[in-house]
């Protein structure tokens, strides 16, 4: 499995043609206490760069953009009752949705973990 990041602080874990999407540790830290997450519906088609989910914190509401294109397989239903999972484990149990990648080559435009860490260090 490989993990990739966007400059908007989303991540995608790619395993074959399945991607799992969430927001980074940095992003959840900037948002503060997360109180609501709206994940996309199963079967929804998303395009790379499109708004795919919404996350609301005590500070602000933010759009979550899809790092890759594909069809949503499932949203993380646990976030409806426990949005704080995103604060507790943003790059694990706090994932937002899983999708089937329509163009796996799109990950080539994303940053790997080392490049993302260097990117965040400059912010």
PDB file of N, CA and C in Angstrom:
ATOM      1  N   UNK A   1       0.846  -1.177   0.000  1.00  0.00           N
ATOM      2  CA  UNK A   1       0.000   0.000   0.000  1.00  0.00           C
ATOM      3  C   UNK A   1       0.895   1.244   0.000  1.00  0.00           C
ATOM      4  N   UNK A   2       0.517   2.225  -0.787  1.00  0.00           N
ATOM      5  CA  UNK A   2       1.267   3.467  -0.863  1.00  0.00           C
ATOM      6  C   UNK A   2       0.368   4.623  -0.463  1.00  0.00           C
ATOM      7  N   UNK A   3       0.942   5.608   0.237  1.00  0.00           N
ATOM      8  CA  UNK A   3       0.185   6.788   0.660  1.00  0.00           C
ATOM      9  C   UNK A   3       0.717   8.009  -0.072  1.00  0.00           C
ATOM     10  N   UNK A   4      -0.232   8.839  -0.536  1.00  0.00           N
ATOM     11  CA  UNK A   4       0.086  10.064  -1.251  1.00  0.00           C
ATOM     12  C   UNK A   4      -0.686  11.217  -0.635  1.00  0.00           C
ATOM     13  N   UNK A   5      -0.135  12.435  -0.791  1.00  0.00           N
ATOM     14  CA  UNK A   5      -0.729  13.635  -0.196  1.00  0.00           C
ATOM     15  C   UNK A   5      -0.922  14.727  -1.241  1.00  0.00           C
ATOM     16  N   UNK A   6      -1.904  15.616  -0.965  1.00  0.00           N
ATOM     17  CA  UNK A   6      -2.124  16.790  -1.801  1.00  0.00           C
ATOM     18  C   UNK A   6      -1.633  18.028  -1.057  1.00  0.00           C
ATOM     19  N   UNK A   7      -1.510  19.135  -1.769  1.00  0.00           N
ATOM     20  CA  UNK A   7      -1.144  20.404  -1.135  1.00  0.00           C
ATOM     21  C   UNK A   7      -2.283  20.947  -0.286  1.00  0.00           C
ATOM     22  N   UNK A   8      -3.492  20.392  -0.453  1.00  0.00           N
ATOM     23  CA  UNK A   8      -4.637  20.783   0.373  1.00  0.00           C
ATOM     24  C   UNK A   8      -4.769  19.901   1.615  1.00  0.00           C
ATOM     25  N   UNK A   9      -3.786  19.043   1.841  1.00  0.00           N
ATOM     26  CA  UNK A   9      -3.681  18.225   3.057  1.00  0.00           C
ATOM     27  C   UNK A   9      -4.630  17.038   3.106  1.00  0.00           C
ATOM     28  N   UNK A  10      -5.053  16.545   1.933  1.00  0.00           N
ATOM     29  CA  UNK A  10      -5.746  15.263   1.884  1.00  0.00           C
ATOM     30  C   UNK A  10      -4.699  14.179   1.635  1.00  0.00           C
ATOM     31  N   UNK A  11      -5.035  12.961   2.044  1.00  0.00           N
ATOM     32  CA  UNK A  11      -4.174  11.823   1.730  1.00  0.00           C
ATOM     33  C   UNK A  11      -5.023  10.735   1.086  1.00  0.00           C
ATOM     34  N   UNK A  12      -4.342   9.876   0.329  1.00  0.00           N
ATOM     35  CA  UNK A  12      -4.994   8.699  -0.239  1.00  0.00           C
ATOM     36  C   UNK A  12      -4.037   7.524  -0.102  1.00  0.00           C
ATOM     37  N   UNK A  13      -4.532   6.446   0.489  1.00  0.00           N
ATOM     38  CA  UNK A  13      -3.806   5.178   0.528  1.00  0.00           C
ATOM     39  C   UNK A  13      -4.271   4.385  -0.675  1.00  0.00           C
ATOM     40  N   UNK A  14      -3.334   3.934  -1.491  1.00  0.00           N
ATOM     41  CA  UNK A  14      -3.689   3.183  -2.689  1.00  0.00           C
ATOM     42  C   UNK A  14      -3.257   1.733  -2.519  1.00  0.00           C
ATOM     43  N   UNK A  15      -4.223   0.831  -2.700  1.00  0.00           N
ATOM     44  CA  UNK A  15      -3.977  -0.603  -2.626  1.00  0.00           C
ATOM     45  C   UNK A  15      -4.645  -1.207  -3.858  1.00  0.00           C
ATOM     46  N   UNK A  16      -3.849  -1.481  -4.897  1.00  0.00           N
ATOM     47  CA  UNK A  16      -4.406  -1.936  -6.165  1.00  0.00           C
ATOM     48  C   UNK A  16      -5.166  -0.790  -6.800  1.00  0.00           C
ATOM     49  N   UNK A  17      -6.468  -0.992  -7.076  1.00  0.00           N
ATOM     50  CA  UNK A  17      -7.269   0.091  -7.653  1.00  0.00           C
ATOM     51  C   UNK A  17      -8.246   0.686  -6.641  1.00  0.00           C
ATOM     52  N   UNK A  18      -7.985   0.434  -5.345  1.00  0.00           N
ATOM     53  CA  UNK A  18      -8.820   0.972  -4.273  1.00  0.00           C
ATOM     54  C   UNK A  18      -8.044   2.048  -3.523  1.00  0.00           C
ATOM     55  N   UNK A  19      -8.689   3.193  -3.313  1.00  0.00           N
ATOM     56  CA  UNK A  19      -8.074   4.272  -2.549  1.00  0.00           C
ATOM     57  C   UNK A  19      -8.898   4.578  -1.317  1.00  0.00           C
ATOM     58  N   UNK A  20      -8.222   4.867  -0.210  1.00  0.00           N
ATOM     59  CA  UNK A  20      -8.866   5.316   1.023  1.00  0.00           C
ATOM     60  C   UNK A  20      -8.411   6.753   1.250  1.00  0.00           C
ATOM     61  N   UNK A  21      -9.365   7.666   1.465  1.00  0.00           N
ATOM     62  CA  UNK A  21      -9.081   9.103   1.514  1.00  0.00           C
ATOM     63  C   UNK A  21      -9.384   9.676   2.895  1.00  0.00           C
ATOM     64  N   UNK A  22      -8.532  10.600   3.329  1.00  0.00           N
ATOM     65  CA  UNK A  22      -8.757  11.315   4.579  1.00  0.00           C
ATOM     66  C   UNK A  22      -7.980  12.611   4.574  1.00  0.00           C
ATOM     67  N   UNK A  23      -7.941  13.275   5.736  1.00  0.00           N
ATOM     68  CA  UNK A  23      -7.147  14.500   5.859  1.00  0.00           C
ATOM     69  C   UNK A  23      -5.941  14.218   6.751  1.00  0.00           C
ATOM     70  N   UNK A  24      -4.904  15.010   6.567  1.00  0.00           N
ATOM     71  CA  UNK A  24      -3.643  14.768   7.261  1.00  0.00           C
ATOM     72  C   UNK A  24      -3.686  15.219   8.725  1.00  0.00           C
ATOM     73  N   UNK A  25      -2.701  14.768   9.450  1.00  0.00           N
ATOM     74  CA  UNK A  25      -2.493  15.183  10.840  1.00  0.00           C
ATOM     75  C   UNK A  25      -2.396  16.708  10.904  1.00  0.00           C
ATOM     76  N   UNK A  26      -1.664  17.285   9.965  1.00  0.00           N
ATOM     77  CA  UNK A  26      -1.507  18.737   9.918  1.00  0.00           C
ATOM     78  C   UNK A  26      -2.872  19.420   9.765  1.00  0.00           C
ATOM     79  N   UNK A  27      -3.697  18.928   8.836  1.00  0.00           N
ATOM     80  CA  UNK A  27      -5.002  19.535   8.573  1.00  0.00           C
ATOM     81  C   UNK A  27      -5.904  19.484   9.798  1.00  0.00           C
ATOM     82  N   UNK A  28      -5.974  18.336  10.463  1.00  0.00           N
ATOM     83  CA  UNK A  28      -6.854  18.251  11.625  1.00  0.00           C
ATOM     84  C   UNK A  28      -6.356  19.158  12.742  1.00  0.00           C
ATOM     85  N   UNK A  29      -5.028  19.323  12.839  1.00  0.00           N
ATOM     86  CA  UNK A  29      -4.463  20.222  13.842  1.00  0.00           C
ATOM     87  C   UNK A  29      -4.839  21.676  13.587  1.00  0.00           C
ATOM     88  N   UNK A  30      -4.894  22.055  12.299  1.00  0.00           N
ATOM     89  CA  UNK A  30      -5.278  23.411  11.923  1.00  0.00           C
ATOM     90  C   UNK A  30      -6.771  23.655  12.171  1.00  0.00           C
ATOM     91  N   UNK A  31      -7.577  22.616  11.966  1.00  0.00           N
ATOM     92  CA  UNK A  31      -9.026  22.755  12.129  1.00  0.00           C
ATOM     93  C   UNK A  31      -9.451  22.827  13.592  1.00  0.00           C
ATOM     94  N   UNK A  32      -8.754  22.115  14.452  1.00  0.00           N
ATOM     95  CA  UNK A  32      -9.164  22.057  15.851  1.00  0.00           C
ATOM     96  C   UNK A  32     -10.194  20.957  16.050  1.00  0.00           C
ATOM     97  N   UNK A  33     -11.005  21.075  17.090  1.00  0.00           N
ATOM     98  CA  UNK A  33     -11.970  20.024  17.427  1.00  0.00           C
ATOM     99  C   UNK A  33     -13.022  19.873  16.336  1.00  0.00           C
ATOM    100  N   UNK A  34     -13.059  18.689  15.732  1.00  0.00           N
ATOM    101  CA  UNK A  34     -13.990  18.414  14.646  1.00  0.00           C
ATOM    102  C   UNK A  34     -15.323  17.963  15.227  1.00  0.00           C
ATOM    103  N   UNK A  35     -16.408  18.617  14.756  1.00  0.00           N
ATOM    104  CA  UNK A  35     -17.733  18.366  15.321  1.00  0.00           C
ATOM    105  C   UNK A  35     -18.693  17.713  14.329  1.00  0.00           C
ATOM    106  N   UNK A  36     -18.338  17.720  13.027  1.00  0.00           N
ATOM    107  CA  UNK A  36     -19.230  17.151  12.018  1.00  0.00           C
ATOM    108  C   UNK A  36     -18.427  16.808  10.767  1.00  0.00           C
ATOM    109  N   UNK A  37     -18.746  15.661  10.172  1.00  0.00           N
ATOM    110  CA  UNK A  37     -18.137  15.258   8.899  1.00  0.00           C
ATOM    111  C   UNK A  37     -19.244  14.760   7.983  1.00  0.00           C
ATOM    112  N   UNK A  38     -19.263  15.272   6.753  1.00  0.00           N
ATOM    113  CA  UNK A  38     -20.216  14.830   5.739  1.00  0.00           C
ATOM    114  C   UNK A  38     -19.415  14.114   4.659  1.00  0.00           C
ATOM    115  N   UNK A  39     -19.599  12.803   4.564  1.00  0.00           N
ATOM    116  CA  UNK A  39     -18.853  12.011   3.590  1.00  0.00           C
ATOM    117  C   UNK A  39     -19.721  11.744   2.357  1.00  0.00           C
ATOM    118  N   UNK A  40     -19.099  11.466   1.211  1.00  0.00           N
ATOM    119  CA  UNK A  40     -19.898  11.235  -0.002  1.00  0.00           C
ATOM    120  C   UNK A  40     -20.678   9.920   0.072  1.00  0.00           C
ATOM    121  N   UNK A  41     -21.773   9.873  -0.689  1.00  0.00           N
ATOM    122  CA  UNK A  41     -22.618   8.680  -0.732  1.00  0.00           C
ATOM    123  C   UNK A  41     -21.960   7.586  -1.562  1.00  0.00           C
ATOM    124  N   UNK A  42     -22.260   6.338  -1.213  1.00  0.00           N
ATOM    125  CA  UNK A  42     -21.787   5.193  -1.981  1.00  0.00           C
ATOM    126  C   UNK A  42     -22.260   5.336  -3.428  1.00  0.00           C
ATOM    127  N   UNK A  43     -21.371   5.053  -4.368  1.00  0.00           N
ATOM    128  CA  UNK A  43     -21.736   5.110  -5.779  1.00  0.00           C
ATOM    129  C   UNK A  43     -21.507   6.459  -6.433  1.00  0.00           C
ATOM    130  N   UNK A  44     -21.205   7.489  -5.634  1.00  0.00           N
ATOM    131  CA  UNK A  44     -20.978   8.821  -6.197  1.00  0.00           C
ATOM    132  C   UNK A  44     -19.668   8.833  -6.981  1.00  0.00           C
ATOM    133  N   UNK A  45     -19.691   9.466  -8.143  1.00  0.00           N
ATOM    134  CA  UNK A  45     -18.459   9.652  -8.916  1.00  0.00           C
ATOM    135  C   UNK A  45     -17.802  10.954  -8.481  1.00  0.00           C
ATOM    136  N   UNK A  46     -16.505  10.890  -8.216  1.00  0.00           N
ATOM    137  CA  UNK A  46     -15.751  12.089  -7.864  1.00  0.00           C
ATOM    138  C   UNK A  46     -14.598  12.244  -8.847  1.00  0.00           C
ATOM    139  N   UNK A  47     -14.256  13.494  -9.106  1.00  0.00           N
ATOM    140  CA  UNK A  47     -13.156  13.809 -10.001  1.00  0.00           C
ATOM    141  C   UNK A  47     -12.047  14.441  -9.186  1.00  0.00           C
ATOM    142  N   UNK A  48     -10.824  14.135  -9.530  1.00  0.00           N
ATOM    143  CA  UNK A  48      -9.673  14.697  -8.826  1.00  0.00           C
ATOM    144  C   UNK A  48      -9.825  16.209  -8.717  1.00  0.00           C
ATOM    145  N   UNK A  49      -9.687  16.717  -7.497  1.00  0.00           N
ATOM    146  CA  UNK A  49      -9.780  18.145  -7.251  1.00  0.00           C
ATOM    147  C   UNK A  49     -11.172  18.638  -6.915  1.00  0.00           C
ATOM    148  N   UNK A  50     -12.194  17.801  -7.103  1.00  0.00           N
ATOM    149  CA  UNK A  50     -13.566  18.190  -6.783  1.00  0.00           C
ATOM    150  C   UNK A  50     -13.834  18.084  -5.286  1.00  0.00           C
ATOM    151  N   UNK A  51     -14.800  18.880  -4.814  1.00  0.00           N
ATOM    152  CA  UNK A  51     -15.246  18.754  -3.432  1.00  0.00           C
ATOM    153  C   UNK A  51     -15.879  17.378  -3.267  1.00  0.00           C
ATOM    154  N   UNK A  52     -15.439  16.643  -2.260  1.00  0.00           N
ATOM    155  CA  UNK A  52     -15.969  15.298  -2.060  1.00  0.00           C
ATOM    156  C   UNK A  52     -16.614  15.133  -0.687  1.00  0.00           C
ATOM    157  N   UNK A  53     -16.148  15.907   0.292  1.00  0.00           N
ATOM    158  CA  UNK A  53     -16.665  15.795   1.656  1.00  0.00           C
ATOM    159  C   UNK A  53     -16.573  17.166   2.316  1.00  0.00           C
ATOM    160  N   UNK A  54     -17.205  17.275   3.477  1.00  0.00           N
ATOM    161  CA  UNK A  54     -17.145  18.509   4.261  1.00  0.00           C
ATOM    162  C   UNK A  54     -16.784  18.133   5.687  1.00  0.00           C
ATOM    163  N   UNK A  55     -15.901  18.924   6.279  1.00  0.00           N
ATOM    164  CA  UNK A  55     -15.546  18.720   7.677  1.00  0.00           C
ATOM    165  C   UNK A  55     -15.758  20.049   8.397  1.00  0.00           C
ATOM    166  N   UNK A  56     -16.446  19.985   9.542  1.00  0.00           N
ATOM    167  CA  UNK A  56     -16.699  21.186  10.332  1.00  0.00           C
ATOM    168  C   UNK A  56     -16.042  21.040  11.690  1.00  0.00           C
ATOM    169  N   UNK A  57     -15.392  22.118  12.094  1.00  0.00           N
ATOM    170  CA  UNK A  57     -14.771  22.143  13.415  1.00  0.00           C
ATOM    171  C   UNK A  57     -15.339  23.322  14.194  1.00  0.00           C
ATOM    172  N   UNK A  58     -14.879  23.475  15.410  1.00  0.00           N
ATOM    173  CA  UNK A  58     -15.320  24.614  16.193  1.00  0.00           C
ATOM    174  C   UNK A  58     -14.821  25.911  15.570  1.00  0.00           C
ATOM    175  N   UNK A  59     -13.794  25.846  14.723  1.00  0.00           N
ATOM    176  CA  UNK A  59     -13.224  27.034  14.088  1.00  0.00           C
ATOM    177  C   UNK A  59     -13.858  27.359  12.742  1.00  0.00           C
ATOM    178  N   UNK A  60     -14.095  26.327  11.900  1.00  0.00           N
ATOM    179  CA  UNK A  60     -14.515  26.586  10.521  1.00  0.00           C
ATOM    180  C   UNK A  60     -15.075  25.333   9.873  1.00  0.00           C
ATOM    181  N   UNK A  61     -15.743  25.543   8.735  1.00  0.00           N
ATOM    182  CA  UNK A  61     -16.148  24.427   7.877  1.00  0.00           C
ATOM    183  C   UNK A  61     -15.211  24.428   6.677  1.00  0.00           C
ATOM    184  N   UNK A  62     -14.768  23.252   6.271  1.00  0.00           N
ATOM    185  CA  UNK A  62     -13.838  23.150   5.152  1.00  0.00           C
ATOM    186  C   UNK A  62     -14.271  22.051   4.203  1.00  0.00           C
ATOM    187  N   UNK A  63     -14.051  22.305   2.920  1.00  0.00           N
ATOM    188  CA  UNK A  63     -14.278  21.272   1.923  1.00  0.00           C
ATOM    189  C   UNK A  63     -13.086  20.341   1.897  1.00  0.00           C
ATOM    190  N   UNK A  64     -13.359  19.084   1.623  1.00  0.00           N
ATOM    191  CA  UNK A  64     -12.305  18.092   1.425  1.00  0.00           C
ATOM    192  C   UNK A  64     -12.356  17.729  -0.053  1.00  0.00           C
ATOM    193  N   UNK A  65     -11.238  17.909  -0.735  1.00  0.00           N
ATOM    194  CA  UNK A  65     -11.168  17.682  -2.172  1.00  0.00           C
ATOM    195  C   UNK A  65     -10.626  16.279  -2.449  1.00  0.00           C
ATOM    196  N   UNK A  66     -11.170  15.648  -3.455  1.00  0.00           N
ATOM    197  CA  UNK A  66     -10.728  14.294  -3.776  1.00  0.00           C
ATOM    198  C   UNK A  66      -9.338  14.335  -4.410  1.00  0.00           C
ATOM    199  N   UNK A  67      -8.383  13.593  -3.851  1.00  0.00           N
ATOM    200  CA  UNK A  67      -7.030  13.581  -4.421  1.00  0.00           C
ATOM    201  C   UNK A  67      -6.941  12.791  -5.728  1.00  0.00           C
ATOM    202  N   UNK A  68      -7.945  11.953  -5.983  1.00  0.00           N
ATOM    203  CA  UNK A  68      -7.977  11.119  -7.192  1.00  0.00           C
ATOM    204  C   UNK A  68      -9.427  11.000  -7.671  1.00  0.00           C
ATOM    205  N   UNK A  69      -9.579  10.583  -8.921  1.00  0.00           N
ATOM    206  CA  UNK A  69     -10.912  10.366  -9.486  1.00  0.00           C
ATOM    207  C   UNK A  69     -11.348   8.928  -9.272  1.00  0.00           C
ATOM    208  N   UNK A  70     -12.661   8.741  -9.162  1.00  0.00           N
ATOM    209  CA  UNK A  70     -13.169   7.381  -9.023  1.00  0.00           C
ATOM    210  C   UNK A  70     -14.607   7.353  -8.562  1.00  0.00           C
ATOM    211  N   UNK A  71     -15.043   6.160  -8.176  1.00  0.00           N
ATOM    212  CA  UNK A  71     -16.404   5.937  -7.693  1.00  0.00           C
ATOM    213  C   UNK A  71     -16.344   5.519  -6.236  1.00  0.00           C
ATOM    214  N   UNK A  72     -17.112   6.227  -5.399  1.00  0.00           N
ATOM    215  CA  UNK A  72     -17.103   5.966  -3.957  1.00  0.00           C
ATOM    216  C   UNK A  72     -17.669   4.577  -3.675  1.00  0.00           C
ATOM    217  N   UNK A  73     -16.908   3.791  -2.928  1.00  0.00           N
ATOM    218  CA  UNK A  73     -17.351   2.461  -2.496  1.00  0.00           C
ATOM    219  C   UNK A  73     -18.089   2.549  -1.173  1.00  0.00           C
ATOM    220  N   UNK A  74     -17.542   3.363  -0.255  1.00  0.00           N
ATOM    221  CA  UNK A  74     -18.189   3.536   1.047  1.00  0.00           C
ATOM    222  C   UNK A  74     -17.639   4.768   1.745  1.00  0.00           C
ATOM    223  N   UNK A  75     -18.534   5.426   2.476  1.00  0.00           N
ATOM    224  CA  UNK A  75     -18.125   6.491   3.373  1.00  0.00           C
ATOM    225  C   UNK A  75     -17.899   5.893   4.754  1.00  0.00           C
ATOM    226  N   UNK A  76     -17.101   6.549   5.551  1.00  0.00           N
ATOM    227  CA  UNK A  76     -16.832   6.068   6.908  1.00  0.00           C
ATOM    228  C   UNK A  76     -18.021   6.426   7.803  1.00  0.00           C
ATOM    229  N   UNK A  77     -18.933   5.474   7.978  1.00  0.00           N
ATOM    230  CA  UNK A  77     -20.161   5.724   8.741  1.00  0.00           C
ATOM    231  C   UNK A  77     -19.874   6.034  10.210  1.00  0.00           C
ATOM    232  N   UNK A  78     -18.733   5.613  10.734  1.00  0.00           N
ATOM    233  CA  UNK A  78     -18.396   5.883  12.131  1.00  0.00           C
ATOM    234  C   UNK A  78     -18.269   7.378  12.399  1.00  0.00           C
ATOM    235  N   UNK A  79     -17.953   8.170  11.364  1.00  0.00           N
ATOM    236  CA  UNK A  79     -17.760   9.604  11.562  1.00  0.00           C
ATOM    237  C   UNK A  79     -19.070  10.336  11.840  1.00  0.00           C
ATOM    238  N   UNK A  80     -20.207   9.756  11.452  1.00  0.00           N
ATOM    239  CA  UNK A  80     -21.498  10.390  11.719  1.00  0.00           C
ATOM    240  C   UNK A  80     -21.730  10.513  13.220  1.00  0.00           C
ATOM    241  N   UNK A  81     -21.405   9.463  13.961  1.00  0.00           N
ATOM    242  CA  UNK A  81     -21.606   9.459  15.409  1.00  0.00           C
ATOM    243  C   UNK A  81     -20.386   9.942  16.173  1.00  0.00           C
ATOM    244  N   UNK A  82     -19.200   9.782  15.577  1.00  0.00           N
ATOM    245  CA  UNK A  82     -17.958  10.099  16.274  1.00  0.00           C
ATOM    246  C   UNK A  82     -17.025  10.897  15.370  1.00  0.00           C
ATOM    247  N   UNK A  83     -17.384  12.153  15.038  1.00  0.00           N
ATOM    248  CA  UNK A  83     -16.517  12.944  14.157  1.00  0.00           C
ATOM    249  C   UNK A  83     -15.139  13.194  14.758  1.00  0.00           C
ATOM    250  N   UNK A  84     -15.025  13.107  16.083  1.00  0.00           N
ATOM    251  CA  UNK A  84     -13.743  13.300  16.746  1.00  0.00           C
ATOM    252  C   UNK A  84     -12.692  12.262  16.382  1.00  0.00           C
ATOM    253  N   UNK A  85     -13.116  11.171  15.728  1.00  0.00           N
ATOM    254  CA  UNK A  85     -12.134  10.184  15.245  1.00  0.00           C
ATOM    255  C   UNK A  85     -11.108  10.842  14.335  1.00  0.00           C
ATOM    256  N   UNK A  86     -11.545  11.888  13.620  1.00  0.00           N
ATOM    257  CA  UNK A  86     -10.625  12.585  12.718  1.00  0.00           C
ATOM    258  C   UNK A  86      -9.530  13.276  13.519  1.00  0.00           C
ATOM    259  N   UNK A  87      -9.860  13.793  14.698  1.00  0.00           N
ATOM    260  CA  UNK A  87      -8.844  14.390  15.565  1.00  0.00           C
ATOM    261  C   UNK A  87      -7.954  13.323  16.189  1.00  0.00           C
ATOM    262  N   UNK A  88      -8.561  12.229  16.610  1.00  0.00           N
ATOM    263  CA  UNK A  88      -7.828  11.187  17.323  1.00  0.00           C
ATOM    264  C   UNK A  88      -6.895  10.407  16.407  1.00  0.00           C
ATOM    265  N   UNK A  89      -7.344  10.109  15.188  1.00  0.00           N
ATOM    266  CA  UNK A  89      -6.565   9.249  14.293  1.00  0.00           C
ATOM    267  C   UNK A  89      -6.831   9.649  12.836  1.00  0.00           C
ATOM    268  N   UNK A  90      -6.401  10.872  12.433  1.00  0.00           N
ATOM    269  CA  UNK A  90      -6.757  11.373  11.103  1.00  0.00           C
ATOM    270  C   UNK A  90      -6.217  10.533   9.958  1.00  0.00           C
ATOM    271  N   UNK A  91      -5.115   9.847  10.185  1.00  0.00           N
ATOM    272  CA  UNK A  91      -4.516   9.071   9.099  1.00  0.00           C
ATOM    273  C   UNK A  91      -4.707   7.568   9.320  1.00  0.00           C
ATOM    274  N   UNK A  92      -5.766   7.239  10.096  1.00  0.00           N
ATOM    275  CA  UNK A  92      -6.106   5.847  10.364  1.00  0.00           C
ATOM    276  C   UNK A  92      -7.618   5.699  10.408  1.00  0.00           C
ATOM    277  N   UNK A  93      -8.174   5.495  11.625  1.00  0.00           N
ATOM    278  CA  UNK A  93      -9.614   5.274  11.785  1.00  0.00           C
ATOM    279  C   UNK A  93     -10.462   6.471  11.364  1.00  0.00           C
ATOM    280  N   UNK A  94      -9.851   7.652  11.234  1.00  0.00           N
ATOM    281  CA  UNK A  94     -10.584   8.852  10.841  1.00  0.00           C
ATOM    282  C   UNK A  94     -10.668   9.070   9.342  1.00  0.00           C
ATOM    283  N   UNK A  95     -10.473   8.015   8.553  1.00  0.00           N
ATOM    284  CA  UNK A  95     -10.594   8.129   7.092  1.00  0.00           C
ATOM    285  C   UNK A  95     -12.009   8.562   6.719  1.00  0.00           C
ATOM    286  N   UNK A  96     -12.159   9.168   5.525  1.00  0.00           N
ATOM    287  CA  UNK A  96     -13.446   9.721   5.098  1.00  0.00           C
ATOM    288  C   UNK A  96     -14.204   8.782   4.167  1.00  0.00           C
ATOM    289  N   UNK A  97     -13.529   8.284   3.110  1.00  0.00           N
ATOM    290  CA  UNK A  97     -14.218   7.404   2.161  1.00  0.00           C
ATOM    291  C   UNK A  97     -13.220   6.552   1.392  1.00  0.00           C
ATOM    292  N   UNK A  98     -13.758   5.472   0.829  1.00  0.00           N
ATOM    293  CA  UNK A  98     -12.985   4.576  -0.033  1.00  0.00           C
ATOM    294  C   UNK A  98     -13.578   4.651  -1.431  1.00  0.00           C
ATOM    295  N   UNK A  99     -12.726   4.552  -2.439  1.00  0.00           N
ATOM    296  CA  UNK A  99     -13.209   4.608  -3.805  1.00  0.00           C
ATOM    297  C   UNK A  99     -12.410   3.694  -4.713  1.00  0.00           C
ATOM    298  N   UNK A 100     -13.020   3.357  -5.848  1.00  0.00           N
ATOM    299  CA  UNK A 100     -12.327   2.640  -6.911  1.00  0.00           C
ATOM    300  C   UNK A 100     -11.706   3.697  -7.812  1.00  0.00           C
ATOM    301  N   UNK A 101     -10.397   3.645  -7.996  1.00  0.00           N
ATOM    302  CA  UNK A 101      -9.707   4.632  -8.820  1.00  0.00           C
ATOM    303  C   UNK A 101     -10.051   4.430 -10.291  1.00  0.00           C
ATOM    304  N   UNK A 102     -10.441   5.522 -10.961  1.00  0.00           N
ATOM    305  CA  UNK A 102     -10.731   5.425 -12.390  1.00  0.00           C
ATOM    306  C   UNK A 102      -9.467   5.649 -13.218  1.00  0.00           C
ATOM    307  N   UNK A 103      -8.457   6.319 -12.630  1.00  0.00           N
ATOM    308  CA  UNK A 103      -7.197   6.575 -13.333  1.00  0.00           C
ATOM    309  C   UNK A 103      -6.053   6.519 -12.322  1.00  0.00           C
ATOM    310  N   UNK A 104      -5.524   5.315 -12.063  1.00  0.00           N
ATOM    311  CA  UNK A 104      -4.473   5.175 -11.051  1.00  0.00           C
ATOM    312  C   UNK A 104      -3.233   6.038 -11.301  1.00  0.00           C
ATOM    313  N   UNK A 105      -3.010   6.469 -12.544  1.00  0.00           N
ATOM    314  CA  UNK A 105      -1.830   7.289 -12.828  1.00  0.00           C
ATOM    315  C   UNK A 105      -1.928   8.683 -12.196  1.00  0.00           C
ATOM    316  N   UNK A 106      -3.130   9.084 -11.741  1.00  0.00           N
ATOM    317  CA  UNK A 106      -3.277  10.405 -11.115  1.00  0.00           C
ATOM    318  C   UNK A 106      -2.415  10.565  -9.870  1.00  0.00           C
ATOM    319  N   UNK A 107      -2.071   9.461  -9.217  1.00  0.00           N
ATOM    320  CA  UNK A 107      -1.258   9.572  -7.999  1.00  0.00           C
ATOM    321  C   UNK A 107       0.144  10.087  -8.308  1.00  0.00           C
ATOM    322  N   UNK A 108       0.557   9.995  -9.566  1.00  0.00           N
ATOM    323  CA  UNK A 108       1.893  10.463  -9.938  1.00  0.00           C
ATOM    324  C   UNK A 108       2.046  11.964  -9.721  1.00  0.00           C
ATOM    325  N   UNK A 109       0.912  12.711  -9.683  1.00  0.00           N
ATOM    326  CA  UNK A 109       0.950  14.152  -9.461  1.00  0.00           C
ATOM    327  C   UNK A 109       0.937  14.515  -7.977  1.00  0.00           C
ATOM    328  N   UNK A 110       0.817  13.522  -7.104  1.00  0.00           N
ATOM    329  CA  UNK A 110       0.726  13.769  -5.667  1.00  0.00           C
ATOM    330  C   UNK A 110       2.091  13.603  -5.003  1.00  0.00           C
ATOM    331  N   UNK A 111       2.183  14.059  -3.747  1.00  0.00           N
ATOM    332  CA  UNK A 111       3.433  13.955  -2.989  1.00  0.00           C
ATOM    333  C   UNK A 111       3.475  12.657  -2.191  1.00  0.00           C
ATOM    334  N   UNK A 112       4.676  12.078  -2.083  1.00  0.00           N
ATOM    335  CA  UNK A 112       4.832  10.957  -1.169  1.00  0.00           C
ATOM    336  C   UNK A 112       5.017  11.528   0.240  1.00  0.00           C
ATOM    337  N   UNK A 113       5.150  10.657   1.216  1.00  0.00           N
ATOM    338  CA  UNK A 113       5.192  11.108   2.606  1.00  0.00           C
ATOM    339  C   UNK A 113       6.360  12.053   2.884  1.00  0.00           C
ATOM    340  N   UNK A 114       7.533  11.744   2.345  1.00  0.00           N
ATOM    341  CA  UNK A 114       8.710  12.587   2.572  1.00  0.00           C
ATOM    342  C   UNK A 114       8.528  13.969   1.951  1.00  0.00           C
ATOM    343  N   UNK A 115       7.992  14.016   0.737  1.00  0.00           N
ATOM    344  CA  UNK A 115       7.764  15.302   0.069  1.00  0.00           C
ATOM    345  C   UNK A 115       6.717  16.107   0.818  1.00  0.00           C
ATOM    346  N   UNK A 116       5.676  15.431   1.337  1.00  0.00           N
ATOM    347  CA  UNK A 116       4.632  16.136   2.085  1.00  0.00           C
ATOM    348  C   UNK A 116       5.190  16.700   3.390  1.00  0.00           C
ATOM    349  N   UNK A 117       6.004  15.930   4.075  1.00  0.00           N
ATOM    350  CA  UNK A 117       6.599  16.423   5.332  1.00  0.00           C
ATOM    351  C   UNK A 117       7.455  17.664   5.069  1.00  0.00           C
ATOM    352  N   UNK A 118       8.194  17.651   3.966  1.00  0.00           N
ATOM    353  CA  UNK A 118       9.008  18.821   3.602  1.00  0.00           C
ATOM    354  C   UNK A 118       8.107  20.004   3.259  1.00  0.00           C
ATOM    355  N   UNK A 119       6.986  19.733   2.573  1.00  0.00           N
ATOM    356  CA  UNK A 119       6.015  20.781   2.223  1.00  0.00           C
ATOM    357  C   UNK A 119       5.440  21.425   3.491  1.00  0.00           C
ATOM    358  N   UNK A 120       5.000  20.601   4.441  1.00  0.00           N
ATOM    359  CA  UNK A 120       4.400  21.102   5.679  1.00  0.00           C
ATOM    360  C   UNK A 120       5.424  21.875   6.513  1.00  0.00           C
ATOM    361  N   UNK A 121       6.676  21.441   6.484  1.00  0.00           N
ATOM    362  CA  UNK A 121       7.717  22.112   7.268  1.00  0.00           C
ATOM    363  C   UNK A 121       7.916  23.565   6.826  1.00  0.00           C
ATOM    364  N   UNK A 122       7.571  23.874   5.587  1.00  0.00           N
ATOM    365  CA  UNK A 122       7.728  25.231   5.056  1.00  0.00           C
ATOM    366  C   UNK A 122       6.526  26.130   5.344  1.00  0.00           C
ATOM    367  N   UNK A 123       5.444  25.554   5.888  1.00  0.00           N
ATOM    368  CA  UNK A 123       4.228  26.340   6.119  1.00  0.00           C
ATOM    369  C   UNK A 123       4.304  27.153   7.395  1.00  0.00           C
TER     370      UNK A 123
END
